[in-house]
Structure formats: structure tokens, C-alpha cells
Amino acid sequence: MVHFMRESERCFGSQSPHLLRDMGRAAADYNMTTIYRIFFKLGSPQFTLARAARVFGNFYDTGELEAIVNEKGHAICELRGFGEPAPEFCERLMGWMEHLIALTGGTDLHSSHPRCVNRGDATCHFQGY
């Protein structure tokens, strides 16, 4: 997948500067039409984000995603042990998280990626508030 993201960005990135985040948003949209759509219908952003982090392993055979802070108006997800750390995957995951929160009613979202293994940190943190 990382190779696909890199090639997509190489070929289309100049035409679509947010391509990787858009891929993450598309993944959140796709999940809304599958078995996980119940999370979107039943829950708040906090409920949905906690469950989505738990099912991360259903989509990836490496790494663990955990919502380490998950309260109204503030969330931090931590990604640990992802087999092939790549800034492209981090951008995709940011898009996924942003759109997931928006799909479940979150508004006026501000997001950041303050910690990243690609910048020398032990884990990646994805923050939304």
C-alpha cells in the first residue's frame, strides 16, 4: 500500500496536493457503507473513534492504533509498531481520522501530527480538537 501511495503522489500529487489525505477520507467513506456503518449511526465522535481504533487490525496486519485521549473536543490516537513507517501513510491516516470525526458530527476540527516515527519519535500521535 505504501508503494501505491508513493506512486499515486508522484503521478498525481501536483494536480491534487491533498491526495493522501483524500485517500484517508475515501477509506472512511467506504467503511461507512460496510459493516462498520453502525458506529457512524449510533455514536458520537468519541464512541466511533474508540471502536475504529480497535478494528485497525482488521485492515492492517501490522501496528496497533489506540485512542489514548478520547473526550469531547479532544482526541489523540497513537500508532505503534507499524511495520513500514512512511510519511505517506501518516498523511492518509490523518485524512481518515479527520473525516471519521466529521462523519460522526464533529465540527470545527483542527488536526495535527505532533509525534511521528518518521521524524524520530517512538510512536505516531494524531491529534484532533
C-alpha atoms as a PDB file:
ATOM      1  CA  MET A   1       0.000   0.000   0.000  1.00  0.00           C
ATOM      2  CA  VAL A   2       2.854   2.365   0.792  1.00  0.00           C
ATOM      3  CA  HIS A   3       4.277   1.803  -2.687  1.00  0.00           C
ATOM      4  CA  PHE A   4       0.847   2.570  -4.201  1.00  0.00           C
ATOM      5  CA  MET A   5       0.553   5.789  -2.183  1.00  0.00           C
ATOM      6  CA  ARG A   6       4.049   6.911  -3.208  1.00  0.00           C
ATOM      7  CA  GLU A   7       3.384   6.224  -6.882  1.00  0.00           C
ATOM      8  CA  SER A   8      -0.001   7.940  -6.731  1.00  0.00           C
ATOM      9  CA  GLU A   9       1.531  11.001  -5.162  1.00  0.00           C
ATOM     10  CA  ARG A  10       4.382  11.001  -7.697  1.00  0.00           C
ATOM     11  CA  CYS A  11       1.961  10.772 -10.627  1.00  0.00           C
ATOM     12  CA  PHE A  12      -0.932  12.921  -9.374  1.00  0.00           C
ATOM     13  CA  GLY A  13       0.333  14.902  -6.382  1.00  0.00           C
ATOM     14  CA  SER A  14       0.964  18.090  -8.327  1.00  0.00           C
ATOM     15  CA  GLN A  15      -2.677  18.057  -9.512  1.00  0.00           C
ATOM     16  CA  SER A  16      -4.063  17.064  -6.110  1.00  0.00           C
ATOM     17  CA  PRO A  17      -1.976  18.474  -3.257  1.00  0.00           C
ATOM     18  CA  HIS A  18      -4.088  16.680  -0.611  1.00  0.00           C
ATOM     19  CA  LEU A  19      -4.150  13.335  -2.398  1.00  0.00           C
ATOM     20  CA  LEU A  20      -3.009  11.212   0.559  1.00  0.00           C
ATOM     21  CA  ARG A  21      -5.460  12.790   2.980  1.00  0.00           C
ATOM     22  CA  ASP A  22      -8.159  12.368   0.355  1.00  0.00           C
ATOM     23  CA  MET A  23      -7.296   8.655   0.238  1.00  0.00           C
ATOM     24  CA  GLY A  24      -7.841   8.504   4.000  1.00  0.00           C
ATOM     25  CA  ARG A  25     -11.152  10.333   3.686  1.00  0.00           C
ATOM     26  CA  ALA A  26     -12.228   7.892   0.978  1.00  0.00           C
ATOM     27  CA  ALA A  27     -11.358   4.970   3.271  1.00  0.00           C
ATOM     28  CA  ALA A  28     -13.587   6.449   5.989  1.00  0.00           C
ATOM     29  CA  ASP A  29     -16.402   6.899   3.448  1.00  0.00           C
ATOM     30  CA  TYR A  30     -16.025   3.318   2.257  1.00  0.00           C
ATOM     31  CA  ASN A  31     -16.138   1.959   5.801  1.00  0.00           C
ATOM     32  CA  MET A  32     -19.361   3.869   6.378  1.00  0.00           C
ATOM     33  CA  THR A  33     -21.084   1.696   3.774  1.00  0.00           C
ATOM     34  CA  THR A  34     -19.850  -1.620   5.201  1.00  0.00           C
ATOM     35  CA  ILE A  35     -20.342  -3.479   8.451  1.00  0.00           C
ATOM     36  CA  TYR A  36     -18.842  -0.567  10.401  1.00  0.00           C
ATOM     37  CA  ARG A  37     -21.614   1.833   9.420  1.00  0.00           C
ATOM     38  CA  ILE A  38     -23.329   1.081  12.738  1.00  0.00           C
ATOM     39  CA  PHE A  39     -20.575   3.026  14.513  1.00  0.00           C
ATOM     40  CA  PHE A  40     -21.425   6.115  12.477  1.00  0.00           C
ATOM     41  CA  LYS A  41     -25.149   5.819  13.101  1.00  0.00           C
ATOM     42  CA  LEU A  42     -25.027   5.088  16.824  1.00  0.00           C
ATOM     43  CA  GLY A  43     -22.162   7.034  18.159  1.00  0.00           C
ATOM     44  CA  SER A  44     -20.564  10.300  18.906  1.00  0.00           C
ATOM     45  CA  PRO A  45     -17.111  11.053  17.539  1.00  0.00           C
ATOM     46  CA  GLN A  46     -15.676   9.642  20.794  1.00  0.00           C
ATOM     47  CA  PHE A  47     -17.633   6.379  20.537  1.00  0.00           C
ATOM     48  CA  THR A  48     -16.764   5.923  16.881  1.00  0.00           C
ATOM     49  CA  LEU A  49     -13.085   6.792  17.223  1.00  0.00           C
ATOM     50  CA  ALA A  50     -12.607   4.308  20.071  1.00  0.00           C
ATOM     51  CA  ARG A  51     -14.202   1.490  18.049  1.00  0.00           C
ATOM     52  CA  ALA A  52     -12.418   2.423  14.844  1.00  0.00           C
ATOM     53  CA  ALA A  53      -9.066   2.303  16.609  1.00  0.00           C
ATOM     54  CA  ARG A  54      -9.932  -1.185  17.875  1.00  0.00           C
ATOM     55  CA  VAL A  55     -10.709  -2.518  14.393  1.00  0.00           C
ATOM     56  CA  PHE A  56      -7.488  -1.125  12.894  1.00  0.00           C
ATOM     57  CA  GLY A  57      -6.093  -4.679  12.963  1.00  0.00           C
ATOM     58  CA  ASN A  58      -8.897  -5.848  10.668  1.00  0.00           C
ATOM     59  CA  PHE A  59      -7.397  -3.713   7.906  1.00  0.00           C
ATOM     60  CA  TYR A  60      -3.663  -3.901   8.619  1.00  0.00           C
ATOM     61  CA  ASP A  61      -1.514  -6.871   9.548  1.00  0.00           C
ATOM     62  CA  THR A  62       0.969  -4.723  11.441  1.00  0.00           C
ATOM     63  CA  GLY A  63       0.768  -1.992  14.038  1.00  0.00           C
ATOM     64  CA  GLU A  64      -1.726  -1.036  16.689  1.00  0.00           C
ATOM     65  CA  LEU A  65      -3.878   2.100  16.835  1.00  0.00           C
ATOM     66  CA  GLU A  66      -5.243   3.277  20.166  1.00  0.00           C
ATOM     67  CA  ALA A  67      -7.295   6.317  21.142  1.00  0.00           C
ATOM     68  CA  ILE A  68      -5.184   7.364  24.146  1.00  0.00           C
ATOM     69  CA  VAL A  69      -7.171  10.587  24.690  1.00  0.00           C
ATOM     70  CA  ASN A  70     -10.798  10.457  23.635  1.00  0.00           C
ATOM     71  CA  GLU A  71     -13.028  13.100  25.101  1.00  0.00           C
ATOM     72  CA  LYS A  72     -15.474  15.605  23.725  1.00  0.00           C
ATOM     73  CA  GLY A  73     -13.498  18.183  21.783  1.00  0.00           C
ATOM     74  CA  HIS A  74     -10.119  16.424  22.014  1.00  0.00           C
ATOM     75  CA  ALA A  75      -8.716  13.146  20.730  1.00  0.00           C
ATOM     76  CA  ILE A  76      -5.252  11.684  20.356  1.00  0.00           C
ATOM     77  CA  CYS A  77      -4.700   8.412  18.541  1.00  0.00           C
ATOM     78  CA  GLU A  78      -1.372   6.658  18.906  1.00  0.00           C
ATOM     79  CA  LEU A  79       0.033   4.365  16.227  1.00  0.00           C
ATOM     80  CA  ARG A  80       2.631   1.874  17.469  1.00  0.00           C
ATOM     81  CA  GLY A  81       4.617  -0.818  15.726  1.00  0.00           C
ATOM     82  CA  PHE A  82       3.554  -0.170  12.146  1.00  0.00           C
ATOM     83  CA  GLY A  83       5.767  -2.396  10.008  1.00  0.00           C
ATOM     84  CA  GLU A  84       6.753   0.073   7.310  1.00  0.00           C
ATOM     85  CA  PRO A  85       6.616   3.584   8.725  1.00  0.00           C
ATOM     86  CA  ALA A  86       6.056   6.086   5.955  1.00  0.00           C
ATOM     87  CA  PRO A  87       5.059   9.759   5.955  1.00  0.00           C
ATOM     88  CA  GLU A  88       2.586   8.911   3.188  1.00  0.00           C
ATOM     89  CA  PHE A  89       0.715   6.533   5.485  1.00  0.00           C
ATOM     90  CA  CYS A  90       0.672   9.161   8.235  1.00  0.00           C
ATOM     91  CA  GLU A  91      -0.964  11.660   5.859  1.00  0.00           C
ATOM     92  CA  ARG A  92      -3.529   9.053   4.820  1.00  0.00           C
ATOM     93  CA  LEU A  93      -4.308   8.248   8.451  1.00  0.00           C
ATOM     94  CA  MET A  94      -4.752  11.965   9.213  1.00  0.00           C
ATOM     95  CA  GLY A  95      -7.333  12.222   6.445  1.00  0.00           C
ATOM     96  CA  TRP A  96      -9.108   9.121   7.760  1.00  0.00           C
ATOM     97  CA  MET A  97      -9.248  10.473  11.310  1.00  0.00           C
ATOM     98  CA  GLU A  98     -10.418  13.936  10.254  1.00  0.00           C
ATOM     99  CA  HIS A  99     -13.189  12.555   8.078  1.00  0.00           C
ATOM    100  CA  LEU A 100     -14.259   9.953  10.628  1.00  0.00           C
ATOM    101  CA  ILE A 101     -14.746  12.679  13.213  1.00  0.00           C
ATOM    102  CA  ALA A 102     -16.642  14.846  10.718  1.00  0.00           C
ATOM    103  CA  LEU A 103     -18.893  11.951   9.662  1.00  0.00           C
ATOM    104  CA  THR A 104     -19.968  11.435  13.264  1.00  0.00           C
ATOM    105  CA  GLY A 105     -20.842  15.053  13.930  1.00  0.00           C
ATOM    106  CA  GLY A 106     -17.527  16.659  14.844  1.00  0.00           C
ATOM    107  CA  THR A 107     -17.323  20.274  13.724  1.00  0.00           C
ATOM    108  CA  ASP A 108     -14.643  22.956  13.511  1.00  0.00           C
ATOM    109  CA  LEU A 109     -11.925  20.284  13.514  1.00  0.00           C
ATOM    110  CA  HIS A 110      -8.281  21.195  13.935  1.00  0.00           C
ATOM    111  CA  SER A 111      -5.840  18.346  13.472  1.00  0.00           C
ATOM    112  CA  SER A 112      -2.134  17.835  13.861  1.00  0.00           C
ATOM    113  CA  HIS A 113       0.502  15.144  13.809  1.00  0.00           C
ATOM    114  CA  PRO A 114       2.811  16.237  16.655  1.00  0.00           C
ATOM    115  CA  ARG A 115       4.754  12.980  17.006  1.00  0.00           C
ATOM    116  CA  CYS A 116       5.945  10.811  14.144  1.00  0.00           C
ATOM    117  CA  VAL A 117       8.297   7.846  13.849  1.00  0.00           C
ATOM    118  CA  ASN A 118       9.410   9.334  10.537  1.00  0.00           C
ATOM    119  CA  ARG A 119      10.738  12.312  12.496  1.00  0.00           C
ATOM    120  CA  GLY A 120      12.460  10.173  15.137  1.00  0.00           C
ATOM    121  CA  ASP A 121       9.675   9.741  17.717  1.00  0.00           C
ATOM    122  CA  ALA A 122       8.927   6.330  19.247  1.00  0.00           C
ATOM    123  CA  THR A 123       5.269   6.412  18.112  1.00  0.00           C
ATOM    124  CA  CYS A 124       2.973   8.496  15.932  1.00  0.00           C
ATOM    125  CA  HIS A 125       0.323  10.707  17.515  1.00  0.00           C
ATOM    126  CA  PHE A 126      -2.628  12.036  15.545  1.00  0.00           C
ATOM    127  CA  GLN A 127      -4.494  14.796  17.355  1.00  0.00           C
ATOM    128  CA  GLY A 128      -7.870  16.334  16.681  1.00  0.00           C
ATOM    129  CA  TYR A 129      -9.691  19.031  18.609  1.00  0.00           C
END
